[in-house]
Protein backbone atom coordinates (compact mmCIF):
# COMPACT_ATOMS: atom_id res chain seq x y z
CA MET A 1 89.86 0.83 245.70
CA GLU A 2 86.82 2.40 247.36
CA TYR A 3 82.85 1.96 246.47
CA SER A 4 81.17 4.58 244.61
CA PRO A 5 77.74 5.19 244.99
CA ILE A 6 77.65 7.74 242.51
CA SER A 7 80.16 6.37 240.02
CA HIS A 8 77.66 3.13 240.09
CA ASN A 9 74.71 4.96 239.28
CA LEU A 10 76.39 6.43 236.36
CA HIS A 11 76.76 3.55 234.81
CA VAL A 12 73.60 1.31 235.79
CA VAL A 13 72.10 -0.78 233.01
CA PRO A 14 67.97 -0.95 232.57
CA SER A 15 67.07 -4.25 233.58
CA PRO A 16 65.21 -6.65 230.99
CA HIS A 17 61.69 -5.80 232.60
CA VAL A 18 62.35 -2.05 231.62
CA LYS A 19 63.52 -2.91 228.31
CA ASN A 20 60.39 -4.90 227.95
CA LYS A 21 58.18 -2.12 228.89
CA LEU A 22 59.63 0.42 226.82
CA PHE A 23 59.45 -1.61 223.70
CA VAL A 24 55.98 -2.43 224.20
CA PHE A 25 55.41 1.53 224.36
CA CYS A 26 57.23 2.11 221.14
CA ILE A 27 54.57 -0.70 219.47
CA MET A 28 51.49 0.88 221.23
CA LEU A 29 52.67 4.50 219.91
CA SER A 30 53.23 3.49 216.68
CA LEU A 31 50.29 1.24 216.59
CA TRP A 32 48.18 4.56 217.15
CA VAL A 33 49.77 6.41 214.55
CA TYR A 34 49.17 4.26 212.12
CA MET A 35 45.56 4.15 213.33
CA ILE A 36 44.64 7.84 212.84
CA TYR A 37 46.53 8.18 209.94
CA CYS A 38 44.12 5.49 208.32
CA CYS A 39 41.02 6.95 209.69
CA VAL A 40 41.89 10.29 208.31
CA GLY A 41 42.39 8.84 205.11
CA TYR A 42 39.12 6.91 205.53
CA CYS A 43 36.87 9.92 206.27
CA SER A 44 38.32 11.66 203.24
CA SER A 45 37.06 9.01 200.58
CA VAL A 46 34.09 8.14 202.63
CA PRO A 47 30.74 9.32 200.30
CA ASP A 48 28.27 11.64 201.70
CA LEU A 49 25.72 9.44 203.67
CA THR A 50 23.34 12.28 203.45
CA THR A 51 23.18 12.47 199.65
CA TYR A 52 23.06 8.53 200.05
CA GLY A 53 20.16 8.36 201.88
CA SER A 54 18.77 10.45 199.87
CA ALA A 55 19.13 9.11 196.63
CA LYS A 56 18.27 5.43 198.19
CA ALA A 57 14.86 7.02 199.32
CA HIS A 58 14.24 8.28 195.70
CA ARG A 59 14.77 4.98 194.12
CA ASN A 60 12.38 2.99 196.90
CA ASP A 61 9.96 5.80 196.02
CA SER A 62 10.32 5.01 192.34
CA GLU A 63 9.97 1.24 192.75
CA ALA A 64 6.95 1.88 194.89
CA GLY A 65 5.32 3.41 192.21
CA ALA A 66 3.94 6.51 193.72
CA GLN A 67 0.47 7.66 192.13
CA GLU A 68 1.10 11.42 190.59
CA PRO A 69 -0.35 14.50 192.58
CA GLY A 70 -3.37 15.07 191.26
CA SER A 71 -4.52 11.87 189.47
CA SER A 72 -7.59 10.52 190.79
CA PRO A 73 -8.00 6.65 191.28
CA GLY A 74 -9.51 5.29 188.09
CA ALA A 75 -9.29 8.84 185.83
CA SER A 76 -6.47 6.61 184.09
CA ARG A 77 -6.07 2.90 183.68
CA ASP A 78 -2.17 3.01 183.46
CA LEU A 79 -1.03 -0.99 182.88
CA LEU A 80 2.22 0.94 181.50
CA ASN A 81 3.42 2.35 184.92
CA ASN A 82 6.80 0.48 184.65
CA GLU A 83 8.65 2.17 187.63
CA SER A 84 11.47 -1.00 187.38
CA ASP A 85 12.19 0.11 183.77
CA PRO A 86 16.18 0.35 183.55
CA ASP A 87 15.47 3.61 181.36
CA SER A 88 13.95 5.40 184.51
CA ARG A 89 17.13 4.03 186.82
CA GLY A 90 19.65 5.03 183.99
CA GLU A 91 21.83 3.01 182.28
CA GLU A 92 25.53 2.29 182.25
CA TRP A 93 28.63 1.71 180.19
CA ASP A 94 29.40 -1.75 179.92
CA GLU A 95 32.49 -2.55 178.00
CA THR A 96 31.88 -6.14 177.96
CA ARG A 97 28.57 -5.99 176.32
CA GLY A 98 28.78 -2.52 174.32
CA GLU A 99 25.81 -1.30 176.13
CA ALA A 100 25.84 2.28 177.17
CA LYS A 101 25.86 2.86 180.98
CA PRO A 102 25.88 6.97 181.94
CA SER A 103 28.57 8.01 184.60
CA ASP A 104 29.08 11.29 185.50
CA ASP A 105 32.44 11.28 184.51
CA ASN A 106 31.42 13.15 181.11
CA ALA A 107 32.75 16.52 182.19
CA VAL A 108 35.93 17.81 184.23
CA SER A 109 36.16 15.41 187.44
CA GLY A 110 37.34 18.34 189.85
CA PHE A 111 38.24 21.60 190.54
CA PRO A 112 41.28 21.80 193.43
CA ASP A 113 39.65 25.59 194.08
CA GLY A 114 36.06 23.87 195.36
CA SER A 115 34.63 25.83 192.42
CA GLU A 116 32.14 22.88 191.93
CA SER A 117 28.50 23.33 193.65
CA LYS A 118 25.24 21.89 193.26
CA LYS A 119 22.83 23.66 191.03
CA PHE A 120 19.76 23.26 190.22
CA PRO A 121 18.82 22.48 186.26
CA GLN A 122 18.75 24.80 184.29
CA ALA A 123 17.79 22.61 181.34
CA ILE A 124 14.86 19.60 181.67
CA ILE A 125 14.16 16.83 179.83
CA ILE A 126 10.05 16.54 180.42
CA GLY A 127 8.70 14.13 177.88
CA VAL A 128 7.72 11.82 176.56
CA LYS A 129 8.10 8.51 177.80
CA LYS A 130 9.06 5.91 174.63
CA GLY A 131 9.57 8.81 172.89
CA GLY A 132 13.70 8.76 173.07
CA THR A 133 14.47 10.47 176.08
CA ARG A 134 17.01 8.34 177.33
CA ALA A 135 18.93 8.56 174.04
CA LEU A 136 18.65 12.33 173.90
CA LEU A 137 20.11 12.23 177.26
CA GLU A 138 22.99 9.99 176.62
CA PHE A 139 24.08 11.99 173.49
CA LEU A 140 24.03 14.95 175.90
CA ARG A 141 26.44 13.18 178.43
CA LEU A 142 28.74 13.45 175.75
CA HIS A 143 29.21 16.99 175.94
CA PRO A 144 31.48 18.83 178.39
CA ASP A 145 29.48 21.34 179.62
CA ILE A 146 26.35 19.35 180.38
CA ARG A 147 26.55 17.95 183.85
CA ALA A 148 23.08 15.45 183.93
CA VAL A 149 21.41 12.99 186.75
CA GLY A 150 21.61 9.57 185.16
CA ALA A 151 18.53 7.88 187.14
CA GLU A 152 15.29 9.77 186.94
CA PRO A 153 14.41 11.99 190.04
CA HIS A 154 10.54 12.24 189.92
CA PHE A 155 10.66 15.49 192.08
CA PHE A 156 7.98 17.60 190.45
CA ASP A 157 5.50 14.45 190.05
CA ARG A 158 6.03 12.22 192.82
CA ASN A 159 8.37 13.62 195.46
CA TYR A 160 7.43 17.55 195.55
CA ASP A 161 6.97 17.13 199.43
CA LYS A 162 10.72 16.50 200.08
CA GLY A 163 11.46 20.25 199.06
CA LEU A 164 13.93 21.84 196.41
CA GLU A 165 16.95 21.14 199.04
CA TRP A 166 16.35 17.09 199.13
CA TYR A 167 16.30 17.67 195.07
CA ARG A 168 19.54 20.30 194.76
CA GLU A 169 21.01 17.02 196.43
CA LEU A 170 20.37 14.86 193.69
CA MET A 171 22.26 17.04 191.02
CA PRO A 172 25.51 16.26 190.00
CA THR A 173 28.43 19.33 190.86
CA SER A 174 29.20 21.32 188.25
CA ALA A 175 31.48 24.22 187.30
CA GLU A 176 30.89 27.48 186.26
CA GLY A 177 29.87 27.83 182.74
CA GLN A 178 28.50 24.24 182.93
CA LEU A 179 24.82 22.79 182.39
CA THR A 180 22.62 21.12 184.59
CA MET A 181 20.20 18.88 183.35
CA GLU A 182 17.87 15.98 184.41
CA LYS A 183 15.25 13.82 182.73
CA THR A 184 11.98 12.93 183.85
CA PRO A 185 9.43 12.08 180.79
CA SER A 186 6.60 11.74 183.23
CA TYR A 187 6.49 15.66 183.61
CA TYR A 188 5.06 16.77 180.24
CA VAL A 189 1.81 14.87 181.24
CA THR A 190 1.12 15.60 184.77
CA LYS A 191 -0.88 18.80 185.51
CA GLU A 192 1.11 19.98 188.18
CA VAL A 193 4.24 20.08 186.78
CA PRO A 194 4.37 23.46 184.54
CA ALA A 195 3.05 25.30 187.65
CA ARG A 196 6.11 24.13 189.75
CA ILE A 197 8.97 23.93 187.23
CA TYR A 198 7.65 27.49 187.29
CA SER A 199 7.90 28.29 190.55
CA MET A 200 11.25 27.01 191.01
CA SER A 201 12.63 29.22 187.85
CA THR A 202 11.04 31.09 185.43
CA ASP A 203 14.24 30.50 182.96
CA THR A 204 14.19 26.85 182.77
CA LYS A 205 14.80 25.50 179.61
CA LEU A 206 12.48 22.44 178.66
CA ILE A 207 13.13 19.96 175.87
CA VAL A 208 10.38 17.64 174.73
CA VAL A 209 11.33 14.00 172.71
CA VAL A 210 8.14 13.41 170.77
CA ARG A 211 7.57 10.44 168.13
CA ASP A 212 4.31 9.19 166.07
CA PRO A 213 1.77 8.91 168.85
CA VAL A 214 0.57 5.52 167.10
CA THR A 215 4.55 4.22 167.41
CA ARG A 216 5.01 5.49 170.66
CA ALA A 217 1.56 3.73 172.43
CA ILE A 218 2.57 0.25 170.51
CA SER A 219 6.15 0.49 172.16
CA ASP A 220 5.01 2.00 175.45
CA TYR A 221 2.87 -1.57 175.13
CA THR A 222 5.45 -3.63 174.28
CA GLN A 223 7.68 -2.14 177.38
CA THR A 224 4.91 -3.61 179.89
CA ARG A 225 4.50 -6.80 177.81
CA SER A 226 8.08 -7.83 178.23
CA LYS A 227 7.40 -7.72 182.18
CA LYS A 228 3.90 -8.80 182.09
CA PRO A 229 3.33 -11.35 179.40
CA ASP A 230 -0.45 -11.71 180.60
CA ILE A 231 -1.49 -8.32 180.07
CA PRO A 232 -4.65 -8.01 178.11
CA SER A 233 -4.05 -7.24 174.06
CA PHE A 234 -2.90 -4.15 172.78
CA GLU A 235 -6.19 -4.25 170.83
CA SER A 236 -8.49 -4.90 173.90
CA LEU A 237 -6.92 -1.81 175.53
CA ALA A 238 -6.86 0.65 173.26
CA PHE A 239 -10.56 0.44 172.57
CA LYS A 240 -13.90 1.39 174.63
CA ASN A 241 -15.97 -0.82 172.29
CA ALA A 242 -14.04 -2.22 169.19
CA SER A 243 -17.22 -2.93 167.04
CA ALA A 244 -17.73 0.55 167.35
CA GLY A 245 -14.40 2.17 166.74
CA LEU A 246 -14.27 3.88 169.76
CA ILE A 247 -10.93 4.53 171.26
CA ASP A 248 -10.47 4.53 175.60
CA THR A 249 -8.35 7.88 176.16
CA THR A 250 -8.51 6.59 179.61
CA TRP A 251 -5.61 4.71 179.00
CA SER A 252 -2.04 6.20 180.03
CA ALA A 253 -0.64 4.96 176.71
CA VAL A 254 -3.19 6.91 174.39
CA GLN A 255 -3.27 10.06 176.82
CA ILE A 256 0.33 10.38 176.19
CA GLY A 257 0.45 10.90 172.61
CA MET A 258 -2.50 13.77 172.44
CA TYR A 259 0.36 16.35 172.72
CA ALA A 260 -1.24 19.35 171.79
CA LYS A 261 -3.44 18.66 174.66
CA HIS A 262 -0.54 18.48 177.38
CA LEU A 263 1.29 21.49 175.78
CA GLU A 264 -1.73 23.80 176.11
CA ARG A 265 -1.22 23.44 180.37
CA TRP A 266 2.97 24.73 179.36
CA LEU A 267 2.20 27.24 177.29
CA ARG A 268 0.59 29.18 180.46
CA TYR A 269 3.69 28.93 182.17
CA PHE A 270 6.40 29.07 179.63
CA PRO A 271 6.70 31.34 176.25
CA ALA A 272 7.29 29.15 173.25
CA GLY A 273 10.77 29.78 172.64
CA GLN A 274 11.64 28.15 175.86
CA LEU A 275 10.37 24.95 174.55
CA LEU A 276 12.23 22.63 172.06
CA PHE A 277 10.50 19.72 170.36
CA VAL A 278 13.09 16.92 169.11
CA SER A 279 11.75 14.35 166.66
CA GLY A 280 12.61 11.27 167.87
CA GLU A 281 12.60 9.57 164.58
CA ARG A 282 14.82 11.63 163.61
CA LEU A 283 17.01 10.96 166.54
CA ILE A 284 17.25 7.80 165.22
CA SER A 285 17.88 8.61 161.18
CA ASN A 286 19.91 11.71 161.83
CA PRO A 287 21.73 12.04 165.32
CA ALA A 288 23.84 14.44 165.03
CA GLY A 289 21.43 17.29 163.00
CA GLU A 290 19.06 16.92 165.94
CA MET A 291 21.87 17.05 168.17
CA ALA A 292 22.95 20.32 166.65
CA ARG A 293 19.04 22.03 167.08
CA VAL A 294 19.47 20.79 170.56
CA GLN A 295 23.27 22.34 171.34
CA ASP A 296 21.92 25.49 169.82
CA PHE A 297 18.61 25.54 171.90
CA LEU A 298 21.20 24.98 175.24
CA ARG A 299 23.68 27.76 173.90
CA LEU A 300 26.44 25.33 173.62
CA LYS A 301 29.02 24.83 171.47
CA ARG A 302 28.47 22.15 168.64
CA VAL A 303 30.73 19.84 170.51
CA VAL A 304 28.70 16.18 169.60
CA THR A 305 28.63 16.01 166.02
CA LYS A 306 28.33 13.12 163.70
CA SER A 307 31.62 11.65 164.32
CA HIS A 308 30.19 10.49 167.52
CA PHE A 309 27.38 8.43 166.19
CA HIS A 310 27.80 4.63 164.48
CA PHE A 311 24.80 3.28 163.27
CA ASN A 312 23.69 -0.15 164.53
CA PRO A 313 21.10 -2.05 162.06
CA ALA A 314 20.82 -4.82 164.45
CA LYS A 315 19.47 -2.54 166.87
CA GLY A 316 17.57 -0.23 164.78
CA PHE A 317 19.46 3.04 166.14
CA PRO A 318 22.67 5.09 166.56
CA CYS A 319 25.54 4.00 169.66
CA LEU A 320 27.65 6.71 170.89
CA LYS A 321 31.06 6.57 170.26
CA ARG A 322 34.08 8.80 171.35
CA PRO A 323 36.82 9.64 168.62
CA GLU A 324 39.48 10.21 170.57
CA TRP A 325 38.97 6.25 172.05
CA ASN A 326 39.59 4.81 168.94
CA SER A 327 36.90 1.70 170.37
CA LYS A 328 33.84 0.21 169.28
CA PRO A 329 30.88 1.98 169.51
CA HIS A 330 28.50 1.74 172.98
CA CYS A 331 24.93 1.13 172.52
CA LEU A 332 22.01 1.70 174.54
CA GLY A 333 20.91 -1.63 176.47
CA LYS A 334 18.91 -4.40 175.31
CA THR A 335 15.76 -3.06 176.66
CA LYS A 336 15.99 -0.72 173.40
CA GLY A 337 15.15 -1.81 170.15
CA ARG A 338 12.49 -4.31 171.23
CA THR A 339 10.83 -5.97 168.75
CA HIS A 340 6.98 -4.58 168.60
CA PRO A 341 3.86 -6.95 168.07
CA ASN A 342 2.28 -7.48 165.40
CA ILE A 343 -1.09 -5.59 165.29
CA ASP A 344 -3.87 -5.20 163.31
CA PRO A 345 -3.56 -2.79 160.68
CA LYS A 346 -7.27 -1.75 161.13
CA VAL A 347 -6.27 -0.92 164.92
CA VAL A 348 -3.09 0.98 163.95
CA GLN A 349 -5.50 3.18 161.27
CA ARG A 350 -8.04 3.68 163.40
CA LEU A 351 -5.61 5.02 166.13
CA ARG A 352 -3.96 7.53 163.11
CA ASP A 353 -7.36 8.47 162.53
CA PHE A 354 -7.75 9.52 166.11
CA TYR A 355 -4.82 11.54 166.57
CA LYS A 356 -5.03 13.13 163.37
CA PRO A 357 -6.50 16.40 164.69
CA PHE A 358 -4.25 16.80 167.86
CA ASN A 359 -1.28 16.41 165.43
CA SER A 360 -2.43 19.20 162.86
CA GLU A 361 -2.88 21.15 166.52
CA PHE A 362 0.22 19.72 167.98
CA TYR A 363 2.07 21.05 164.40
CA ARG A 364 0.25 24.65 164.27
CA MET A 365 1.26 25.22 168.29
CA THR A 366 5.03 24.12 167.66
CA GLY A 367 5.54 25.58 164.01
CA HIS A 368 6.94 22.62 163.15
CA ASP A 369 5.26 19.25 160.85
CA PHE A 370 6.72 16.63 162.62
CA GLY A 371 5.10 14.32 159.16
CA TRP A 372 2.96 11.81 161.49
CA ASP A 373 0.19 11.96 159.22
């Protein structure tokens, strides 16, 4: 039998060396495909670094305690300026402790057709500090048609130079028909804010939570003393001259409660019908009733009702519950409901006498008697 080169080549068997190369090539190819797949999946889940950077910058600015625009050194003795207050950062739900933490899951989480977008807020809770603004925002977040920022943006008083687009990026996404909101209580007492909000939108709805100015001032002081135990007594801060009974109106805790004085600035830009004044006292004693007023003002269906509240006698204010969850109520954090220090009754009465004309004017301007006198 003759040797055939053609027949021999047709039956050639690859050498072990070639087999090894093919095997390594297949492994490398598989690894590259797997890496590309992982990268695509990872990129789709990575948050927007620009938004994260803006939020981080905002947080750092708030903690730095920047001076409000338009204020001058010595114009206001503000020993109660607590940028580290959890209320300014927002709270979250805490299942283990039963404390309320805001999250942005209070509305439809996403729309496949891409109809969600970031909008400027159509409604803003502008005040007042220690009036009950955090409670109101948490109550509103139960409504499916409200999308709210958890932390206080402080855009119109501290971060205005960053521009409106920076502000819009802080907002949560919302769908058509949903209302975007934020709350920053210092807006109400900052001179430049009314004009700035007006320049953004003349139709912005404004909500102010007000409270007995004497109780509010004591609450303000109590919050600060919990972080700075060595601050002077309430009495020494409240008076320029205690023997003469002269109130120190340069102290921010006193200034904030002069509601009528601040309201004059807002009414230069917005009609009275665009402002709603919520009673901080009734927000505790009758939260469902006050929420009905707020939802009507915002032209929303009355979704948040009596069934969403449970009064906690230990804390002294209502806790939230979702009727459909059948779980224990969630209360605002431990920083809420602090015990107030005992203040000399004469000091309290002097403050009530001081605020009485401001309260009367405020009742006249708002058309509502809050019963503080």
